Amino acid sequence: MSTINEHAKAIKDLEDHLKKYSCVLLEGFIDEEVLREKEHQLPTDTHFVRFINGDDREEEMMAIRAFRMSDIFDAIQDAGHYTQEICQGYGTISPNLFTGVEA
């Protein structure tokens, strides 16, 4: 991707694609250390996901909310990206009590 607008559009397209698999993009462009710092604001069904963007071959790291890891894998693969890692064990808030990411 050559411009910020193209990259933002790609992220929006991925976010829309994730919704088809009952997944929610919580944080884009996040590394694992920052996710650990924010985990008290996140639900327990948060996953740290690393994948290779199918368009520009850049590594992406995101926090994605999903009930099953397979839903995340399917959404990313079907969007034309290459899943590298999906890790669970983040977040401390019960999913049914989570209302959104706090600033």
C-alpha atoms as a PDB file:
ATOM      1  CA  MET A   1       0.000   0.000   0.000  1.00  0.00           C
ATOM      2  CA  SER A   2       1.463   3.254  -1.025  1.00  0.00           C
ATOM      3  CA  THR A   3      -0.715   5.749   0.839  1.00  0.00           C
ATOM      4  CA  ILE A   4      -2.255   6.094   4.253  1.00  0.00           C
ATOM      5  CA  ASN A   5      -5.734   6.313   2.685  1.00  0.00           C
ATOM      6  CA  GLU A   6      -5.260   2.999   0.881  1.00  0.00           C
ATOM      7  CA  HIS A   7      -4.055   1.376   4.103  1.00  0.00           C
ATOM      8  CA  ALA A   8      -7.005   2.803   6.066  1.00  0.00           C
ATOM      9  CA  LYS A   9      -9.374   1.450   3.402  1.00  0.00           C
ATOM     10  CA  ALA A  10      -7.741  -1.983   3.633  1.00  0.00           C
ATOM     11  CA  ILE A  11      -8.187  -1.998   7.422  1.00  0.00           C
ATOM     12  CA  LYS A  12     -11.833  -0.943   7.033  1.00  0.00           C
ATOM     13  CA  ASP A  13     -12.355  -3.730   4.479  1.00  0.00           C
ATOM     14  CA  LEU A  14     -10.797  -6.253   6.888  1.00  0.00           C
ATOM     15  CA  GLU A  15     -12.974  -4.948   9.725  1.00  0.00           C
ATOM     16  CA  ASP A  16     -16.087  -5.423   7.574  1.00  0.00           C
ATOM     17  CA  HIS A  17     -14.904  -8.915   6.612  1.00  0.00           C
ATOM     18  CA  LEU A  18     -14.312  -9.838  10.280  1.00  0.00           C
ATOM     19  CA  LYS A  19     -17.926  -8.932  11.078  1.00  0.00           C
ATOM     20  CA  LYS A  20     -19.091 -11.633   8.660  1.00  0.00           C
ATOM     21  CA  TYR A  21     -17.390 -14.142  10.979  1.00  0.00           C
ATOM     22  CA  SER A  22     -18.732 -12.586  14.221  1.00  0.00           C
ATOM     23  CA  CYS A  23     -15.337 -11.037  15.006  1.00  0.00           C
ATOM     24  CA  VAL A  24     -14.651  -7.466  16.136  1.00  0.00           C
ATOM     25  CA  LEU A  25     -11.478  -5.476  15.499  1.00  0.00           C
ATOM     26  CA  LEU A  26     -10.639  -3.886  18.864  1.00  0.00           C
ATOM     27  CA  GLU A  27      -7.234  -2.367  18.096  1.00  0.00           C
ATOM     28  CA  GLY A  28      -5.298  -2.144  14.868  1.00  0.00           C
ATOM     29  CA  PHE A  29      -1.547  -1.519  14.726  1.00  0.00           C
ATOM     30  CA  ILE A  30      -0.868  -2.760  18.245  1.00  0.00           C
ATOM     31  CA  ASP A  31       2.013  -4.799  19.580  1.00  0.00           C
ATOM     32  CA  GLU A  32       1.771  -7.433  22.278  1.00  0.00           C
ATOM     33  CA  GLU A  33       3.369  -5.246  24.964  1.00  0.00           C
ATOM     34  CA  VAL A  34       0.816  -2.456  24.472  1.00  0.00           C
ATOM     35  CA  LEU A  35      -1.987  -5.021  24.466  1.00  0.00           C
ATOM     36  CA  ARG A  36      -0.781  -6.346  27.834  1.00  0.00           C
ATOM     37  CA  GLU A  37      -0.873  -2.777  29.200  1.00  0.00           C
ATOM     38  CA  LYS A  38      -4.491  -2.363  28.043  1.00  0.00           C
ATOM     39  CA  GLU A  39      -5.735  -5.799  29.024  1.00  0.00           C
ATOM     40  CA  HIS A  40      -7.656  -4.519  32.083  1.00  0.00           C
ATOM     41  CA  GLN A  41      -9.885  -2.601  29.639  1.00  0.00           C
ATOM     42  CA  LEU A  42     -10.534  -5.578  27.339  1.00  0.00           C
ATOM     43  CA  PRO A  43     -12.830  -8.632  27.425  1.00  0.00           C
ATOM     44  CA  THR A  44     -11.440 -12.113  28.008  1.00  0.00           C
ATOM     45  CA  ASP A  45     -12.282 -13.139  24.439  1.00  0.00           C
ATOM     46  CA  THR A  46      -9.582 -10.809  23.059  1.00  0.00           C
ATOM     47  CA  HIS A  47      -6.957 -12.379  20.786  1.00  0.00           C
ATOM     48  CA  PHE A  48      -3.602 -10.999  19.658  1.00  0.00           C
ATOM     49  CA  VAL A  49      -3.287 -11.664  15.931  1.00  0.00           C
ATOM     50  CA  ARG A  50      -0.237 -11.407  13.664  1.00  0.00           C
ATOM     51  CA  PHE A  51      -0.681 -11.822   9.932  1.00  0.00           C
ATOM     52  CA  ILE A  52       0.937 -10.921   6.642  1.00  0.00           C
ATOM     53  CA  ASN A  53      -1.137  -8.479   4.620  1.00  0.00           C
ATOM     54  CA  GLY A  54      -1.910 -10.097   1.268  1.00  0.00           C
ATOM     55  CA  ASP A  55      -1.687  -6.784  -0.602  1.00  0.00           C
ATOM     56  CA  ASP A  56       1.709  -5.417   0.391  1.00  0.00           C
ATOM     57  CA  ARG A  57       3.270  -8.339   2.306  1.00  0.00           C
ATOM     58  CA  GLU A  58       3.620  -6.210   5.469  1.00  0.00           C
ATOM     59  CA  GLU A  59       3.193  -7.769   8.902  1.00  0.00           C
ATOM     60  CA  GLU A  60       0.113  -6.548  10.775  1.00  0.00           C
ATOM     61  CA  MET A  61      -0.634  -6.980  14.480  1.00  0.00           C
ATOM     62  CA  MET A  62      -4.119  -6.450  15.866  1.00  0.00           C
ATOM     63  CA  ALA A  63      -6.367  -7.152  18.819  1.00  0.00           C
ATOM     64  CA  ILE A  64      -9.465  -8.977  17.628  1.00  0.00           C
ATOM     65  CA  ARG A  65     -12.422 -10.105  19.687  1.00  0.00           C
ATOM     66  CA  ALA A  66     -13.930 -13.496  18.819  1.00  0.00           C
ATOM     67  CA  PHE A  67     -15.453 -16.508  20.522  1.00  0.00           C
ATOM     68  CA  ARG A  68     -13.286 -18.957  18.549  1.00  0.00           C
ATOM     69  CA  MET A  69      -9.801 -18.626  17.078  1.00  0.00           C
ATOM     70  CA  SER A  70     -11.004 -20.490  14.007  1.00  0.00           C
ATOM     71  CA  ASP A  71     -13.376 -17.620  13.209  1.00  0.00           C
ATOM     72  CA  ILE A  72     -10.439 -15.196  13.175  1.00  0.00           C
ATOM     73  CA  PHE A  73      -8.329 -17.556  11.078  1.00  0.00           C
ATOM     74  CA  ASP A  74     -11.109 -18.064   8.543  1.00  0.00           C
ATOM     75  CA  ALA A  75     -11.845 -14.329   8.263  1.00  0.00           C
ATOM     76  CA  ILE A  76      -8.189 -13.394   7.729  1.00  0.00           C
ATOM     77  CA  GLN A  77      -7.480 -16.194   5.263  1.00  0.00           C
ATOM     78  CA  ASP A  78     -10.671 -15.546   3.292  1.00  0.00           C
ATOM     79  CA  ALA A  79      -9.752 -11.842   3.089  1.00  0.00           C
ATOM     80  CA  GLY A  80      -6.550 -12.843   1.285  1.00  0.00           C
ATOM     81  CA  HIS A  81      -4.093 -12.451   4.158  1.00  0.00           C
ATOM     82  CA  TYR A  82      -1.737 -15.008   5.717  1.00  0.00           C
ATOM     83  CA  THR A  83      -2.203 -15.817   9.400  1.00  0.00           C
ATOM     84  CA  GLN A  84       1.042 -16.063  11.363  1.00  0.00           C
ATOM     85  CA  GLU A  85      -0.142 -16.288  14.973  1.00  0.00           C
ATOM     86  CA  ILE A  86      -3.327 -16.100  17.033  1.00  0.00           C
ATOM     87  CA  CYS A  87      -2.859 -15.911  20.810  1.00  0.00           C
ATOM     88  CA  GLN A  88      -5.509 -15.898  23.492  1.00  0.00           C
ATOM     89  CA  GLY A  89      -5.319 -15.062  27.179  1.00  0.00           C
ATOM     90  CA  TYR A  90      -5.801 -11.294  27.051  1.00  0.00           C
ATOM     91  CA  GLY A  91      -8.404  -9.210  28.822  1.00  0.00           C
ATOM     92  CA  THR A  92      -9.938  -9.359  32.268  1.00  0.00           C
ATOM     93  CA  ILE A  93     -13.550  -8.261  31.688  1.00  0.00           C
ATOM     94  CA  SER A  94     -16.296 -10.825  31.239  1.00  0.00           C
ATOM     95  CA  PRO A  95     -17.440 -10.649  27.592  1.00  0.00           C
ATOM     96  CA  ASN A  96     -21.091 -10.086  28.544  1.00  0.00           C
ATOM     97  CA  LEU A  97     -20.074  -7.068  30.710  1.00  0.00           C
ATOM     98  CA  PHE A  98     -17.793  -5.462  28.122  1.00  0.00           C
ATOM     99  CA  THR A  99     -19.214  -2.232  26.663  1.00  0.00           C
ATOM    100  CA  GLY A 100     -16.286  -0.960  24.586  1.00  0.00           C
ATOM    101  CA  VAL A 101     -12.647   0.078  24.696  1.00  0.00           C
ATOM    102  CA  GLU A 102     -12.032   2.936  27.102  1.00  0.00           C
ATOM    103  CA  ALA A 103      -9.772   5.783  26.046  1.00  0.00           C
END
